[in-house]
Amino acid sequence: MKKILVIEDNHEVRDNIAEILELANYLVFRAENGKEGIVIAMQEFPDLILCDIMMPVLDGYGFLHLMKKNDSLCNTPFIFMSAKADRIDVRKGMDLGADDYLTKPFDETELLNAIETRLKKAEMVNQKSQAAVDKNDFKNPLSENEIRELLTGNRDTGIYKKKQLIYSEGSRPLRMYYIQKGKVKTYRTNADGKQLITGLYKEGDFLGYIPIMEGTSYKDMAEAIEFTELAVIPKEDFMELISTSREAVNIFTHLLTHHISQKEEMLVGMAYNSLRRKVAEALIGVHEIYKTTIDMSRQNLAALAGTATESMIRTLNDFKSEKIIDINDGIITILNEKKLMNMVN
């Protein structure tokens, strides 16, 4: 029998939820605030936790923060319940590591479906982690395709609109991502709000694994350049794989090394290259990543090259008049790649 902990300060709501779950053959534990919930969770180790947000003594955010610091509880499926349906509140909960979010009032079907889905997902993750351990021996090393499938198969999908933030600088990495569709940029901003793009990512790329490997917080922001679908990979699954697969370590170490090398080249170019050279290298870089015409805002191109937007626009017009590029409805087509690559400083 699966054990579920319900943390809710309203006793009527708490009892109603508990009765529904008990009728569905779950063993239910009850707590009226986050502090009491922590004590029960560490005694009973539930299979799933349902938690309200606004509570006295210790609220839902505080409970989740403490839970994620406990090695025995940090992987327990967690669902927030709240009448607060603002996207900021939802995003805050998900950033802290919540698996799902139920907006009050919800009916019996919504509640049971959410719980069943999260319990099945947790079981699937456990099986996948065990499969990684079972497969990983010197006689049967994992291929790159197997590693990719272990990380990305049967994952929750995050949908992001153009310009929507995926993660923010300074937050703790609780998950990494795999781009199933779309394009993503990572960037930093200075005190004046000016952006500097630190990376461009496309379909088939992993995103957000570097701070997990380094054991640090995110050092930049990630934002969707266009409509984007991301497979969401929990940090624990990634750490389990790289702790049991030498091939996975090699793959992600190579990706990390390549990323560092690219950033070093970018910084040198920004420090010493002329404006024309900076713009040329930005165009070549985008073209090499996406292999298509360049459909990117002038602000993003400027942030990638480390120039002012006005300077980027002026230089693009110069390149167009020199027939190095063509611009049609804002979309850039490279006509003379060799001339761009050999642009003098």
C-alpha atoms as a PDB file:
ATOM      1  CA  MET A   1       0.000   0.000   0.000  1.00  0.00           C
ATOM      2  CA  LYS A   2       1.437   3.368  -1.048  1.00  0.00           C
ATOM      3  CA  LYS A   3       1.904   5.956   1.701  1.00  0.00           C
ATOM      4  CA  ILE A   4       0.846   9.572   1.156  1.00  0.00           C
ATOM      5  CA  LEU A   5       1.486  12.531   3.460  1.00  0.00           C
ATOM      6  CA  VAL A   6      -1.107  15.335   3.305  1.00  0.00           C
ATOM      7  CA  ILE A   7       0.024  18.702   4.729  1.00  0.00           C
ATOM      8  CA  GLU A   8      -2.870  21.177   4.979  1.00  0.00           C
ATOM      9  CA  ASP A   9      -3.763  23.687   7.704  1.00  0.00           C
ATOM     10  CA  ASN A  10      -7.527  23.635   6.995  1.00  0.00           C
ATOM     11  CA  HIS A  11      -8.746  20.570   8.884  1.00  0.00           C
ATOM     12  CA  GLU A  12     -11.898  20.135   6.756  1.00  0.00           C
ATOM     13  CA  VAL A  13      -9.929  20.194   3.506  1.00  0.00           C
ATOM     14  CA  ARG A  14      -7.275  17.928   5.024  1.00  0.00           C
ATOM     15  CA  ASP A  15      -9.844  15.376   6.203  1.00  0.00           C
ATOM     16  CA  ASN A  16     -11.735  15.411   2.890  1.00  0.00           C
ATOM     17  CA  ILE A  17      -8.553  14.740   0.923  1.00  0.00           C
ATOM     18  CA  ALA A  18      -7.526  12.001   3.347  1.00  0.00           C
ATOM     19  CA  GLU A  19     -10.913  10.280   3.032  1.00  0.00           C
ATOM     20  CA  ILE A  20     -10.729  10.291  -0.768  1.00  0.00           C
ATOM     21  CA  LEU A  21      -7.226   8.822  -0.705  1.00  0.00           C
ATOM     22  CA  GLU A  22      -8.110   6.169   1.861  1.00  0.00           C
ATOM     23  CA  LEU A  23     -11.066   5.065  -0.284  1.00  0.00           C
ATOM     24  CA  ALA A  24      -8.568   4.750  -3.160  1.00  0.00           C
ATOM     25  CA  ASN A  25      -6.539   2.329  -1.000  1.00  0.00           C
ATOM     26  CA  TYR A  26      -3.718   4.680   0.034  1.00  0.00           C
ATOM     27  CA  LEU A  27      -2.290   4.820   3.554  1.00  0.00           C
ATOM     28  CA  VAL A  28      -2.613   8.488   4.565  1.00  0.00           C
ATOM     29  CA  PHE A  29      -0.679  10.545   7.126  1.00  0.00           C
ATOM     30  CA  ARG A  30      -1.862  14.048   8.053  1.00  0.00           C
ATOM     31  CA  ALA A  31      -0.087  17.223   9.158  1.00  0.00           C
ATOM     32  CA  GLU A  32      -1.451  20.732   9.759  1.00  0.00           C
ATOM     33  CA  ASN A  33       1.730  22.680   8.899  1.00  0.00           C
ATOM     34  CA  GLY A  34       5.158  22.229   7.347  1.00  0.00           C
ATOM     35  CA  LYS A  35       6.965  21.776  10.654  1.00  0.00           C
ATOM     36  CA  GLU A  36       4.716  18.896  11.682  1.00  0.00           C
ATOM     37  CA  GLY A  37       4.977  17.541   8.144  1.00  0.00           C
ATOM     38  CA  ILE A  38       8.775  17.315   8.288  1.00  0.00           C
ATOM     39  CA  VAL A  39       8.605  15.272  11.497  1.00  0.00           C
ATOM     40  CA  ILE A  40       6.084  12.822  10.010  1.00  0.00           C
ATOM     41  CA  ALA A  41       7.946  12.595   6.691  1.00  0.00           C
ATOM     42  CA  MET A  42      11.197  11.630   8.432  1.00  0.00           C
ATOM     43  CA  GLN A  43       9.383   8.993  10.485  1.00  0.00           C
ATOM     44  CA  GLU A  44       7.227   7.420   7.767  1.00  0.00           C
ATOM     45  CA  PHE A  45       9.079   8.164   4.474  1.00  0.00           C
ATOM     46  CA  PRO A  46       5.930   8.528   2.339  1.00  0.00           C
ATOM     47  CA  ASP A  47       5.793   7.570  -1.338  1.00  0.00           C
ATOM     48  CA  LEU A  48       4.263  10.961  -2.219  1.00  0.00           C
ATOM     49  CA  ILE A  49       3.623  14.279  -0.476  1.00  0.00           C
ATOM     50  CA  LEU A  50       0.638  16.615  -1.020  1.00  0.00           C
ATOM     51  CA  CYS A  51       1.327  20.031   0.479  1.00  0.00           C
ATOM     52  CA  ASP A  52      -0.529  23.338   0.798  1.00  0.00           C
ATOM     53  CA  ILE A  53       1.452  26.567   0.287  1.00  0.00           C
ATOM     54  CA  MET A  54       0.003  29.128   2.704  1.00  0.00           C
ATOM     55  CA  MET A  55       0.315  27.653   6.223  1.00  0.00           C
ATOM     56  CA  PRO A  56       1.343  28.890   9.682  1.00  0.00           C
ATOM     57  CA  VAL A  57       4.632  27.981  11.400  1.00  0.00           C
ATOM     58  CA  LEU A  58       6.276  26.675   8.182  1.00  0.00           C
ATOM     59  CA  ASP A  59       4.710  27.200   4.761  1.00  0.00           C
ATOM     60  CA  GLY A  60       4.844  24.875   1.752  1.00  0.00           C
ATOM     61  CA  TYR A  61       7.873  26.558   0.193  1.00  0.00           C
ATOM     62  CA  GLY A  62       9.807  26.195   3.447  1.00  0.00           C
ATOM     63  CA  PHE A  63       8.814  22.546   3.779  1.00  0.00           C
ATOM     64  CA  LEU A  64       9.932  21.757   0.221  1.00  0.00           C
ATOM     65  CA  HIS A  65      13.237  23.560   0.763  1.00  0.00           C
ATOM     66  CA  LEU A  66      13.989  21.437   3.841  1.00  0.00           C
ATOM     67  CA  MET A  67      12.778  18.271   2.141  1.00  0.00           C
ATOM     68  CA  LYS A  68      15.147  18.727  -0.802  1.00  0.00           C
ATOM     69  CA  LYS A  69      18.081  19.002   1.612  1.00  0.00           C
ATOM     70  CA  ASN A  70      17.296  15.605   3.150  1.00  0.00           C
ATOM     71  CA  ASP A  71      18.921  12.711   1.283  1.00  0.00           C
ATOM     72  CA  SER A  72      16.146  10.308   2.305  1.00  0.00           C
ATOM     73  CA  LEU A  73      13.305  12.582   1.164  1.00  0.00           C
ATOM     74  CA  CYS A  74      14.706  14.650  -1.702  1.00  0.00           C
ATOM     75  CA  ASN A  75      13.462  12.284  -4.432  1.00  0.00           C
ATOM     76  CA  THR A  76       9.941  11.862  -3.019  1.00  0.00           C
ATOM     77  CA  PRO A  77       7.251  12.964  -5.532  1.00  0.00           C
ATOM     78  CA  PHE A  78       5.833  16.303  -4.370  1.00  0.00           C
ATOM     79  CA  ILE A  79       2.577  18.037  -5.360  1.00  0.00           C
ATOM     80  CA  PHE A  80       1.669  21.564  -4.273  1.00  0.00           C
ATOM     81  CA  MET A  81      -1.972  22.432  -3.503  1.00  0.00           C
ATOM     82  CA  SER A  82      -3.069  26.054  -3.382  1.00  0.00           C
ATOM     83  CA  ALA A  83      -5.781  28.521  -4.303  1.00  0.00           C
ATOM     84  CA  LYS A  84      -2.955  30.687  -5.654  1.00  0.00           C
ATOM     85  CA  ALA A  85      -2.895  30.102  -9.404  1.00  0.00           C
ATOM     86  CA  ASP A  86      -0.552  32.924 -10.417  1.00  0.00           C
ATOM     87  CA  ARG A  87       2.133  31.758 -12.841  1.00  0.00           C
ATOM     88  CA  ILE A  88       4.868  33.275 -10.649  1.00  0.00           C
ATOM     89  CA  ASP A  89       3.753  31.136  -7.695  1.00  0.00           C
ATOM     90  CA  VAL A  90       3.616  28.045  -9.891  1.00  0.00           C
ATOM     91  CA  ARG A  91       7.080  28.746 -11.308  1.00  0.00           C
ATOM     92  CA  LYS A  92       8.495  29.345  -7.814  1.00  0.00           C
ATOM     93  CA  GLY A  93       7.189  25.982  -6.677  1.00  0.00           C
ATOM     94  CA  MET A  94       8.537  24.183  -9.748  1.00  0.00           C
ATOM     95  CA  ASP A  95      11.925  25.896  -9.392  1.00  0.00           C
ATOM     96  CA  LEU A  96      12.134  24.625  -5.814  1.00  0.00           C
ATOM     97  CA  GLY A  97      11.595  21.099  -7.104  1.00  0.00           C
ATOM     98  CA  ALA A  98       7.845  20.443  -6.985  1.00  0.00           C
ATOM     99  CA  ASP A  99       6.668  17.783  -9.440  1.00  0.00           C
ATOM    100  CA  ASP A 100       3.123  19.057  -9.956  1.00  0.00           C
ATOM    101  CA  TYR A 101       0.646  21.737  -8.918  1.00  0.00           C
ATOM    102  CA  LEU A 102      -3.063  21.406  -8.088  1.00  0.00           C
ATOM    103  CA  THR A 103      -5.138  24.590  -8.008  1.00  0.00           C
ATOM    104  CA  LYS A 104      -7.981  24.625  -5.489  1.00  0.00           C
ATOM    105  CA  PRO A 105     -10.755  23.767  -5.787  1.00  0.00           C
ATOM    106  CA  PHE A 106      -9.983  20.481  -7.525  1.00  0.00           C
ATOM    107  CA  ASP A 107     -12.220  17.450  -7.846  1.00  0.00           C
ATOM    108  CA  GLU A 108     -11.617  13.832  -6.871  1.00  0.00           C
ATOM    109  CA  THR A 109     -10.609  12.806 -10.397  1.00  0.00           C
ATOM    110  CA  GLU A 110      -7.978  15.551 -10.725  1.00  0.00           C
ATOM    111  CA  LEU A 111      -6.502  14.618  -7.360  1.00  0.00           C
ATOM    112  CA  LEU A 112      -6.302  10.877  -8.002  1.00  0.00           C
ATOM    113  CA  ASN A 113      -4.996  11.310 -11.560  1.00  0.00           C
ATOM    114  CA  ALA A 114      -2.215  13.627 -10.404  1.00  0.00           C
ATOM    115  CA  ILE A 115      -1.160  11.211  -7.671  1.00  0.00           C
ATOM    116  CA  GLU A 116      -1.285   8.152  -9.922  1.00  0.00           C
ATOM    117  CA  THR A 117       0.747   9.910 -12.618  1.00  0.00           C
ATOM    118  CA  ARG A 118       3.477  10.990 -10.176  1.00  0.00           C
ATOM    119  CA  LEU A 119       3.720   7.576  -8.535  1.00  0.00           C
ATOM    120  CA  LYS A 120       4.038   5.888 -11.942  1.00  0.00           C
ATOM    121  CA  LYS A 121       6.703   8.398 -12.980  1.00  0.00           C
ATOM    122  CA  ALA A 122       8.661   7.761  -9.785  1.00  0.00           C
ATOM    123  CA  GLU A 123       8.519   4.011 -10.388  1.00  0.00           C
ATOM    124  CA  MET A 124       9.692   4.504 -13.964  1.00  0.00           C
ATOM    125  CA  VAL A 125      12.650   6.606 -12.800  1.00  0.00           C
ATOM    126  CA  ASN A 126      13.629   3.930 -10.278  1.00  0.00           C
ATOM    127  CA  GLN A 127      13.489   1.230 -12.951  1.00  0.00           C
ATOM    128  CA  LYS A 128      15.496   3.371 -15.362  1.00  0.00           C
ATOM    129  CA  SER A 129      18.185   4.041 -12.758  1.00  0.00           C
ATOM    130  CA  GLN A 130      18.410   0.319 -12.009  1.00  0.00           C
ATOM    131  CA  ALA A 131      18.642  -0.405 -15.733  1.00  0.00           C
ATOM    132  CA  ALA A 132      21.578   1.969 -15.976  1.00  0.00           C
ATOM    133  CA  VAL A 133      23.325   0.128 -13.162  1.00  0.00           C
ATOM    134  CA  ASP A 134      22.541  -3.293 -14.648  1.00  0.00           C
ATOM    135  CA  LYS A 135      23.759  -2.350 -18.109  1.00  0.00           C
ATOM    136  CA  ASN A 136      26.930  -0.657 -16.985  1.00  0.00           C
ATOM    137  CA  ASP A 137      29.752  -3.169 -16.914  1.00  0.00           C
ATOM    138  CA  PHE A 138      32.990  -3.436 -18.861  1.00  0.00           C
ATOM    139  CA  LYS A 139      31.603  -6.172 -21.100  1.00  0.00           C
ATOM    140  CA  ASN A 140      28.524  -4.172 -22.101  1.00  0.00           C
ATOM    141  CA  PRO A 141      29.369  -0.452 -22.144  1.00  0.00           C
ATOM    142  CA  LEU A 142      26.562   1.968 -22.936  1.00  0.00           C
ATOM    143  CA  SER A 143      26.471   3.533 -26.390  1.00  0.00           C
ATOM    144  CA  GLU A 144      25.830   7.254 -26.848  1.00  0.00           C
ATOM    145  CA  ASN A 145      22.332   6.470 -28.146  1.00  0.00           C
ATOM    146  CA  GLU A 146      21.576   4.330 -25.078  1.00  0.00           C
ATOM    147  CA  ILE A 147      22.765   7.113 -22.782  1.00  0.00           C
ATOM    148  CA  ARG A 148      20.624   9.644 -24.608  1.00  0.00           C
ATOM    149  CA  GLU A 149      17.593   7.339 -24.390  1.00  0.00           C
ATOM    150  CA  LEU A 150      18.110   6.693 -20.667  1.00  0.00           C
ATOM    151  CA  LEU A 151      18.170  10.437 -20.035  1.00  0.00           C
ATOM    152  CA  THR A 152      15.412  11.594 -22.381  1.00  0.00           C
ATOM    153  CA  GLY A 153      12.947   8.717 -22.772  1.00  0.00           C
ATOM    154  CA  ASN A 154       9.485   9.016 -21.165  1.00  0.00           C
ATOM    155  CA  ARG A 155      10.145  12.428 -19.637  1.00  0.00           C
ATOM    156  CA  ASP A 156       7.793  15.246 -18.761  1.00  0.00           C
ATOM    157  CA  THR A 157       7.799  17.928 -21.453  1.00  0.00           C
ATOM    158  CA  GLY A 158       8.099  21.638 -20.688  1.00  0.00           C
ATOM    159  CA  ILE A 159       6.507  24.016 -23.199  1.00  0.00           C
ATOM    160  CA  TYR A 160       8.057  27.481 -23.512  1.00  0.00           C
ATOM    161  CA  LYS A 161       6.861  30.395 -25.599  1.00  0.00           C
ATOM    162  CA  LYS A 162       9.192  32.812 -27.385  1.00  0.00           C
ATOM    163  CA  LYS A 163      11.156  34.919 -24.843  1.00  0.00           C
ATOM    164  CA  GLN A 164       9.934  32.800 -21.896  1.00  0.00           C
ATOM    165  CA  LEU A 165      12.529  32.221 -19.164  1.00  0.00           C
ATOM    166  CA  ILE A 166      13.594  28.609 -18.574  1.00  0.00           C
ATOM    167  CA  TYR A 167      15.887  29.175 -15.603  1.00  0.00           C
ATOM    168  CA  SER A 168      17.482  32.178 -13.914  1.00  0.00           C
ATOM    169  CA  GLU A 169      20.963  33.100 -12.717  1.00  0.00           C
ATOM    170  CA  GLY A 170      21.660  32.177  -9.102  1.00  0.00           C
ATOM    171  CA  SER A 171      18.943  29.521  -8.762  1.00  0.00           C
ATOM    172  CA  ARG A 172      19.816  25.947  -7.807  1.00  0.00           C
ATOM    173  CA  PRO A 173      19.850  23.389 -10.643  1.00  0.00           C
ATOM    174  CA  LEU A 174      17.272  20.730  -9.770  1.00  0.00           C
ATOM    175  CA  ARG A 175      16.935  19.498 -13.345  1.00  0.00           C
ATOM    176  CA  MET A 176      18.561  19.605 -16.757  1.00  0.00           C
ATOM    177  CA  TYR A 177      16.890  19.755 -20.144  1.00  0.00           C
ATOM    178  CA  TYR A 178      16.957  18.184 -23.584  1.00  0.00           C
ATOM    179  CA  ILE A 179      15.712  20.286 -26.491  1.00  0.00           C
ATOM    180  CA  GLN A 180      13.098  18.301 -28.409  1.00  0.00           C
ATOM    181  CA  LYS A 181      12.030  21.264 -30.521  1.00  0.00           C
ATOM    182  CA  GLY A 182      13.027  24.912 -30.815  1.00  0.00           C
ATOM    183  CA  LYS A 183      15.990  27.114 -29.954  1.00  0.00           C
ATOM    184  CA  VAL A 184      17.353  28.436 -26.665  1.00  0.00           C
ATOM    185  CA  LYS A 185      19.858  31.099 -25.679  1.00  0.00           C
ATOM    186  CA  THR A 186      21.766  31.507 -22.426  1.00  0.00           C
ATOM    187  CA  TYR A 187      22.911  34.963 -21.400  1.00  0.00           C
ATOM    188  CA  ARG A 188      24.097  37.265 -18.661  1.00  0.00           C
ATOM    189  CA  THR A 189      23.185  40.876 -18.003  1.00  0.00           C
ATOM    190  CA  ASN A 190      25.260  43.737 -16.632  1.00  0.00           C
ATOM    191  CA  ALA A 191      24.148  46.420 -14.171  1.00  0.00           C
ATOM    192  CA  ASP A 192      22.643  48.428 -17.031  1.00  0.00           C
ATOM    193  CA  GLY A 193      20.569  45.475 -18.223  1.00  0.00           C
ATOM    194  CA  LYS A 194      22.635  44.867 -21.355  1.00  0.00           C
ATOM    195  CA  GLN A 195      22.669  41.223 -22.431  1.00  0.00           C
ATOM    196  CA  LEU A 196      25.661  39.112 -23.414  1.00  0.00           C
ATOM    197  CA  ILE A 197      24.729  35.778 -24.979  1.00  0.00           C
ATOM    198  CA  THR A 198      26.862  32.950 -23.580  1.00  0.00           C
ATOM    199  CA  GLY A 199      25.436  30.072 -25.613  1.00  0.00           C
ATOM    200  CA  LEU A 200      23.023  29.054 -28.359  1.00  0.00           C
ATOM    201  CA  TYR A 201      21.291  25.665 -28.317  1.00  0.00           C
ATOM    202  CA  LYS A 202      19.221  23.739 -30.842  1.00  0.00           C
ATOM    203  CA  GLU A 203      17.104  20.606 -31.147  1.00  0.00           C
ATOM    204  CA  GLY A 204      19.059  17.608 -29.840  1.00  0.00           C
ATOM    205  CA  ASP A 205      21.181  19.611 -27.369  1.00  0.00           C
ATOM    206  CA  PHE A 206      21.345  19.160 -23.601  1.00  0.00           C
ATOM    207  CA  LEU A 207      20.919  22.281 -21.485  1.00  0.00           C
ATOM    208  CA  GLY A 208      21.609  23.115 -17.847  1.00  0.00           C
ATOM    209  CA  TYR A 209      23.924  20.194 -17.047  1.00  0.00           C
ATOM    210  CA  ILE A 210      27.053  22.282 -16.416  1.00  0.00           C
ATOM    211  CA  PRO A 211      26.141  23.646 -12.947  1.00  0.00           C
ATOM    212  CA  ILE A 212      25.030  20.142 -11.934  1.00  0.00           C
ATOM    213  CA  MET A 213      28.447  18.758 -12.876  1.00  0.00           C
ATOM    214  CA  GLU A 214      30.220  21.675 -11.191  1.00  0.00           C
ATOM    215  CA  GLY A 215      28.011  21.638  -8.095  1.00  0.00           C
ATOM    216  CA  THR A 216      27.158  25.340  -8.472  1.00  0.00           C
ATOM    217  CA  SER A 217      24.119  27.530  -9.075  1.00  0.00           C
ATOM    218  CA  TYR A 218      23.156  28.645 -12.573  1.00  0.00           C
ATOM    219  CA  LYS A 219      25.635  31.282 -13.748  1.00  0.00           C
ATOM    220  CA  ASP A 220      23.433  32.643 -16.522  1.00  0.00           C
ATOM    221  CA  MET A 221      19.829  32.877 -17.698  1.00  0.00           C
ATOM    222  CA  ALA A 222      18.186  30.577 -20.248  1.00  0.00           C
ATOM    223  CA  GLU A 223      15.417  31.800 -22.538  1.00  0.00           C
ATOM    224  CA  ALA A 224      13.475  30.343 -25.457  1.00  0.00           C
ATOM    225  CA  ILE A 225      14.285  32.106 -28.742  1.00  0.00           C
ATOM    226  CA  GLU A 226      11.158  30.616 -30.328  1.00  0.00           C
ATOM    227  CA  PHE A 227       8.434  28.130 -29.374  1.00  0.00           C
ATOM    228  CA  THR A 228      10.375  25.382 -27.608  1.00  0.00           C
ATOM    229  CA  GLU A 229       9.690  21.930 -26.159  1.00  0.00           C
ATOM    230  CA  LEU A 230      12.084  20.587 -23.524  1.00  0.00           C
ATOM    231  CA  ALA A 231      12.350  17.138 -21.973  1.00  0.00           C
ATOM    232  CA  VAL A 232      12.807  17.710 -18.228  1.00  0.00           C
ATOM    233  CA  ILE A 233      15.466  15.467 -16.643  1.00  0.00           C
ATOM    234  CA  PRO A 234      15.692  15.449 -12.815  1.00  0.00           C
ATOM    235  CA  LYS A 235      19.141  16.158 -11.406  1.00  0.00           C
ATOM    236  CA  GLU A 236      19.102  12.876  -9.486  1.00  0.00           C
ATOM    237  CA  ASP A 237      18.654  10.821 -12.674  1.00  0.00           C
ATOM    238  CA  PHE A 238      21.572  12.576 -14.356  1.00  0.00           C
ATOM    239  CA  MET A 239      23.848  12.161 -11.320  1.00  0.00           C
ATOM    240  CA  GLU A 240      22.895   8.476 -11.066  1.00  0.00           C
ATOM    241  CA  LEU A 241      23.832   7.894 -14.695  1.00  0.00           C
ATOM    242  CA  ILE A 242      27.203   9.638 -14.618  1.00  0.00           C
ATOM    243  CA  SER A 243      28.053   7.871 -11.359  1.00  0.00           C
ATOM    244  CA  THR A 244      27.514   4.454 -12.980  1.00  0.00           C
ATOM    245  CA  SER A 245      28.552   4.976 -16.599  1.00  0.00           C
ATOM    246  CA  ARG A 246      32.066   5.860 -17.669  1.00  0.00           C
ATOM    247  CA  GLU A 247      30.770   6.524 -21.193  1.00  0.00           C
ATOM    248  CA  ALA A 248      28.271   9.106 -19.886  1.00  0.00           C
ATOM    249  CA  VAL A 249      31.046  10.870 -17.980  1.00  0.00           C
ATOM    250  CA  ASN A 250      33.170  10.991 -21.135  1.00  0.00           C
ATOM    251  CA  ILE A 251      30.315  12.393 -23.247  1.00  0.00           C
ATOM    252  CA  PHE A 252      29.403  15.196 -20.861  1.00  0.00           C
ATOM    253  CA  THR A 253      33.023  15.993 -20.024  1.00  0.00           C
ATOM    254  CA  HIS A 254      33.620  16.452 -23.756  1.00  0.00           C
ATOM    255  CA  LEU A 255      30.566  18.721 -24.024  1.00  0.00           C
ATOM    256  CA  LEU A 256      31.755  20.740 -21.033  1.00  0.00           C
ATOM    257  CA  THR A 257      35.268  21.113 -22.452  1.00  0.00           C
ATOM    258  CA  HIS A 258      33.879  22.232 -25.815  1.00  0.00           C
ATOM    259  CA  HIS A 259      31.645  24.783 -24.089  1.00  0.00           C
ATOM    260  CA  ILE A 260      34.573  26.242 -22.131  1.00  0.00           C
ATOM    261  CA  SER A 261      36.697  26.444 -25.280  1.00  0.00           C
ATOM    262  CA  GLN A 262      33.932  28.293 -27.146  1.00  0.00           C
ATOM    263  CA  LYS A 263      33.518  30.806 -24.323  1.00  0.00           C
ATOM    264  CA  GLU A 264      37.261  31.477 -24.217  1.00  0.00           C
ATOM    265  CA  GLU A 265      37.313  32.129 -27.969  1.00  0.00           C
ATOM    266  CA  MET A 266      34.297  34.417 -27.639  1.00  0.00           C
ATOM    267  CA  LEU A 267      35.907  36.474 -24.863  1.00  0.00           C
ATOM    268  CA  VAL A 268      39.147  36.869 -26.815  1.00  0.00           C
ATOM    269  CA  GLY A 269      37.184  37.958 -29.885  1.00  0.00           C
ATOM    270  CA  MET A 270      35.172  40.504 -27.916  1.00  0.00           C
ATOM    271  CA  ALA A 271      38.334  41.956 -26.423  1.00  0.00           C
ATOM    272  CA  TYR A 272      40.432  42.262 -29.579  1.00  0.00           C
ATOM    273  CA  ASN A 273      38.265  41.981 -32.715  1.00  0.00           C
ATOM    274  CA  SER A 274      37.028  44.922 -34.761  1.00  0.00           C
ATOM    275  CA  LEU A 275      33.308  45.591 -35.080  1.00  0.00           C
ATOM    276  CA  ARG A 276      33.130  44.021 -38.553  1.00  0.00           C
ATOM    277  CA  ARG A 277      34.986  40.935 -37.346  1.00  0.00           C
ATOM    278  CA  LYS A 278      32.693  40.583 -34.308  1.00  0.00           C
ATOM    279  CA  VAL A 279      29.591  40.738 -36.495  1.00  0.00           C
ATOM    280  CA  ALA A 280      31.081  38.312 -39.032  1.00  0.00           C
ATOM    281  CA  GLU A 281      31.930  35.768 -36.327  1.00  0.00           C
ATOM    282  CA  ALA A 282      28.459  36.087 -34.797  1.00  0.00           C
ATOM    283  CA  LEU A 283      26.843  35.333 -38.167  1.00  0.00           C
ATOM    284  CA  ILE A 284      29.149  32.385 -38.812  1.00  0.00           C
ATOM    285  CA  GLY A 285      28.538  31.037 -35.311  1.00  0.00           C
ATOM    286  CA  VAL A 286      24.750  31.140 -35.645  1.00  0.00           C
ATOM    287  CA  HIS A 287      24.906  29.601 -39.127  1.00  0.00           C
ATOM    288  CA  GLU A 288      27.134  26.735 -37.938  1.00  0.00           C
ATOM    289  CA  ILE A 289      24.774  25.930 -35.059  1.00  0.00           C
ATOM    290  CA  TYR A 290      21.425  26.093 -36.844  1.00  0.00           C
ATOM    291  CA  LYS A 291      22.555  25.242 -40.432  1.00  0.00           C
ATOM    292  CA  THR A 292      19.872  27.510 -41.920  1.00  0.00           C
ATOM    293  CA  THR A 293      19.209  31.103 -42.795  1.00  0.00           C
ATOM    294  CA  ILE A 294      19.528  33.371 -39.762  1.00  0.00           C
ATOM    295  CA  ASP A 295      16.153  34.326 -38.290  1.00  0.00           C
ATOM    296  CA  MET A 296      17.259  36.101 -35.130  1.00  0.00           C
ATOM    297  CA  SER A 297      16.478  39.513 -33.698  1.00  0.00           C
ATOM    298  CA  ARG A 298      19.114  42.209 -34.067  1.00  0.00           C
ATOM    299  CA  GLN A 299      19.161  42.522 -30.281  1.00  0.00           C
ATOM    300  CA  ASN A 300      20.114  38.857 -29.928  1.00  0.00           C
ATOM    301  CA  LEU A 301      22.776  39.104 -32.636  1.00  0.00           C
ATOM    302  CA  ALA A 302      24.219  42.167 -30.906  1.00  0.00           C
ATOM    303  CA  ALA A 303      24.196  40.363 -27.547  1.00  0.00           C
ATOM    304  CA  LEU A 304      26.038  37.451 -29.163  1.00  0.00           C
ATOM    305  CA  ALA A 305      28.659  39.677 -30.794  1.00  0.00           C
ATOM    306  CA  GLY A 306      29.070  41.951 -27.774  1.00  0.00           C
ATOM    307  CA  THR A 307      28.123  45.111 -29.691  1.00  0.00           C
ATOM    308  CA  ALA A 308      25.436  47.770 -29.539  1.00  0.00           C
ATOM    309  CA  THR A 309      22.263  46.972 -31.477  1.00  0.00           C
ATOM    310  CA  GLU A 310      22.695  50.107 -33.602  1.00  0.00           C
ATOM    311  CA  SER A 311      26.234  49.047 -34.539  1.00  0.00           C
ATOM    312  CA  MET A 312      24.991  45.571 -35.469  1.00  0.00           C
ATOM    313  CA  ILE A 313      22.276  46.981 -37.750  1.00  0.00           C
ATOM    314  CA  ARG A 314      24.702  49.376 -39.436  1.00  0.00           C
ATOM    315  CA  THR A 315      27.290  46.648 -40.055  1.00  0.00           C
ATOM    316  CA  LEU A 316      24.675  44.229 -41.425  1.00  0.00           C
ATOM    317  CA  ASN A 317      23.591  46.904 -43.898  1.00  0.00           C
ATOM    318  CA  ASP A 318      27.240  47.344 -44.918  1.00  0.00           C
ATOM    319  CA  PHE A 319      27.596  43.581 -45.467  1.00  0.00           C
ATOM    320  CA  LYS A 320      24.412  43.584 -47.529  1.00  0.00           C
ATOM    321  CA  SER A 321      25.650  46.409 -49.768  1.00  0.00           C
ATOM    322  CA  GLU A 322      28.917  44.485 -50.234  1.00  0.00           C
ATOM    323  CA  LYS A 323      26.855  41.398 -51.228  1.00  0.00           C
ATOM    324  CA  ILE A 324      28.299  39.332 -48.390  1.00  0.00           C
ATOM    325  CA  ILE A 325      24.803  38.682 -47.050  1.00  0.00           C
ATOM    326  CA  ASP A 326      21.221  39.188 -48.149  1.00  0.00           C
ATOM    327  CA  ILE A 327      18.385  40.362 -45.903  1.00  0.00           C
ATOM    328  CA  ASN A 328      14.767  39.629 -46.743  1.00  0.00           C
ATOM    329  CA  ASP A 329      11.993  40.380 -44.223  1.00  0.00           C
ATOM    330  CA  GLY A 330      14.619  40.455 -41.482  1.00  0.00           C
ATOM    331  CA  ILE A 331      15.956  36.981 -42.335  1.00  0.00           C
ATOM    332  CA  ILE A 332      19.677  36.868 -43.158  1.00  0.00           C
ATOM    333  CA  THR A 333      21.144  34.627 -45.851  1.00  0.00           C
ATOM    334  CA  ILE A 334      24.921  34.286 -46.105  1.00  0.00           C
ATOM    335  CA  LEU A 335      26.047  34.763 -49.711  1.00  0.00           C
ATOM    336  CA  ASN A 336      29.816  34.728 -49.244  1.00  0.00           C
ATOM    337  CA  GLU A 337      30.791  32.596 -46.250  1.00  0.00           C
ATOM    338  CA  LYS A 338      34.474  32.630 -47.217  1.00  0.00           C
ATOM    339  CA  LYS A 339      34.603  36.419 -47.095  1.00  0.00           C
ATOM    340  CA  LEU A 340      32.926  36.425 -43.684  1.00  0.00           C
ATOM    341  CA  MET A 341      35.381  33.857 -42.333  1.00  0.00           C
ATOM    342  CA  ASN A 342      38.345  35.827 -43.668  1.00  0.00           C
ATOM    343  CA  MET A 343      37.078  39.206 -42.456  1.00  0.00           C
ATOM    344  CA  VAL A 344      40.102  41.305 -41.526  1.00  0.00           C
ATOM    345  CA  ASN A 345      40.385  42.900 -38.109  1.00  0.00           C
END
